[in-house]
Amino acid sequence: MNKSLLRQLKLRIWTVVPLKRILMSVHTDSGLIQKIEQALADIRPYLESDGGDISLIEVTPEMVVKVKLHGTCVSCNVNQMTLKAGVEQSIKKYAPEVKEVVNIEE
């Protein structure tokens, strides 16, 4: 394969695949991501019943899970309690190797 074509393919991959997914896949295996997604799926109905939601953003090499709260969860005055007592405990049940769960605010 010539170098020009190879470079074009690399550029297309970077523009199509979100960078956070690439970074997450480098640091974590798909089994861990599936466990975390299952934990979030378990707790999601409770968040949705109050008008909120949650999404997985990143798993760092230090095993810190970064999530983003959505909807009413963002402005809820007990969202940190929900994050630690609900979300973090659910994730640690499925993936005990996780050290901490943090909410990112963009």
Protein backbone atom coordinates (compact mmCIF):
# COMPACT_ATOMS: atom_id res chain seq x y z
CA MET A 1 0.00 0.00 0.00
CA ASN A 2 1.49 3.35 -0.91
CA LYS A 3 2.17 5.94 1.79
CA SER A 4 -0.28 8.49 0.43
CA LEU A 5 -3.20 6.07 0.56
CA LEU A 6 -2.21 4.87 4.03
CA ARG A 7 -2.10 8.47 5.29
CA GLN A 8 -5.56 9.18 3.82
CA LEU A 9 -6.97 6.11 5.57
CA LYS A 10 -5.49 7.15 8.91
CA LEU A 11 -6.98 10.63 8.55
CA ARG A 12 -10.39 9.19 7.74
CA ILE A 13 -10.29 6.90 10.77
CA TRP A 14 -9.53 9.84 13.06
CA THR A 15 -12.37 11.89 11.62
CA VAL A 16 -14.94 9.08 11.85
CA VAL A 17 -14.12 7.50 15.21
CA PRO A 18 -14.58 9.75 18.27
CA LEU A 19 -11.29 10.30 20.05
CA LYS A 20 -12.70 9.39 23.48
CA ARG A 21 -13.71 5.93 22.24
CA ILE A 22 -10.21 5.37 20.89
CA LEU A 23 -8.63 6.47 24.17
CA MET A 24 -11.03 4.35 26.19
CA SER A 25 -10.33 1.28 24.09
CA VAL A 26 -6.58 1.73 24.49
CA HIS A 27 -6.81 1.81 28.28
CA THR A 28 -9.52 -0.74 28.92
CA ASP A 29 -10.72 -4.01 27.54
CA SER A 30 -14.17 -4.43 26.07
CA GLY A 31 -15.22 -6.78 28.89
CA LEU A 32 -14.76 -4.04 31.46
CA ILE A 33 -16.68 -1.54 29.32
CA GLN A 34 -19.53 -4.05 28.98
CA LYS A 35 -19.64 -4.54 32.76
CA ILE A 36 -19.79 -0.79 33.33
CA GLU A 37 -22.46 -0.33 30.67
CA GLN A 38 -24.51 -3.12 32.30
CA ALA A 39 -24.22 -1.41 35.69
CA LEU A 40 -25.39 1.87 34.14
CA ALA A 41 -28.27 0.06 32.41
CA ASP A 42 -29.36 -1.29 35.81
CA ILE A 43 -29.48 2.13 37.42
CA ARG A 44 -30.69 4.10 34.38
CA PRO A 45 -34.44 3.40 34.93
CA TYR A 46 -34.25 5.06 38.36
CA LEU A 47 -32.57 8.13 36.88
CA GLU A 48 -35.01 8.26 33.96
CA SER A 49 -37.99 8.08 36.32
CA ASP A 50 -36.84 11.43 37.74
CA GLY A 51 -36.12 12.92 34.31
CA GLY A 52 -32.39 12.24 34.25
CA ASP A 53 -29.90 9.98 32.55
CA ILE A 54 -26.22 9.05 32.60
CA SER A 55 -23.59 8.19 30.01
CA LEU A 56 -20.13 6.65 30.17
CA ILE A 57 -17.44 9.06 29.03
CA GLU A 58 -14.10 7.44 29.85
CA VAL A 59 -12.29 4.85 31.92
CA THR A 60 -8.83 6.10 32.85
CA PRO A 61 -5.73 3.91 33.23
CA GLU A 62 -6.08 4.55 36.99
CA MET A 63 -9.49 2.81 36.83
CA VAL A 64 -11.48 5.99 37.41
CA VAL A 65 -14.79 5.92 35.57
CA LYS A 66 -15.89 9.28 34.18
CA VAL A 67 -19.61 9.69 33.57
CA LYS A 68 -21.85 12.56 32.57
CA LEU A 69 -25.19 13.19 34.19
CA HIS A 70 -28.00 14.50 31.98
CA GLY A 71 -31.42 16.06 32.39
CA THR A 72 -32.67 16.81 35.88
CA CYS A 73 -29.69 14.96 37.39
CA VAL A 74 -27.47 17.89 36.46
CA SER A 75 -29.24 20.38 38.72
CA CYS A 76 -30.40 17.93 41.40
CA ASN A 77 -29.15 18.86 44.87
CA VAL A 78 -28.48 15.20 45.75
CA ASN A 79 -26.70 14.20 42.52
CA GLN A 80 -23.41 13.56 44.33
CA MET A 81 -25.18 11.18 46.70
CA THR A 82 -26.77 9.43 43.72
CA LEU A 83 -23.38 9.25 42.02
CA LYS A 84 -21.61 7.69 45.01
CA ALA A 85 -24.34 5.64 46.67
CA GLY A 86 -26.11 4.54 43.49
CA VAL A 87 -23.94 4.70 40.40
CA GLU A 88 -20.54 3.96 41.95
CA GLN A 89 -21.87 1.06 44.02
CA SER A 90 -23.62 -0.43 40.99
CA ILE A 91 -20.48 -0.18 38.87
CA LYS A 92 -18.27 -1.65 41.62
CA LYS A 93 -20.68 -4.57 41.96
CA TYR A 94 -20.03 -5.48 38.31
CA ALA A 95 -16.42 -4.26 38.12
CA PRO A 96 -14.71 -4.30 41.53
CA GLU A 97 -11.45 -3.15 39.95
CA VAL A 98 -12.92 0.34 39.48
CA LYS A 99 -11.49 2.75 42.04
CA GLU A 100 -13.86 5.70 41.71
CA VAL A 101 -16.68 7.17 39.65
CA VAL A 102 -16.68 10.88 38.91
CA ASN A 103 -19.08 13.16 37.06
CA ILE A 104 -17.66 15.47 34.44
CA GLU A 105 -19.30 18.80 33.78
CA GLU A 106 -18.78 20.14 30.28
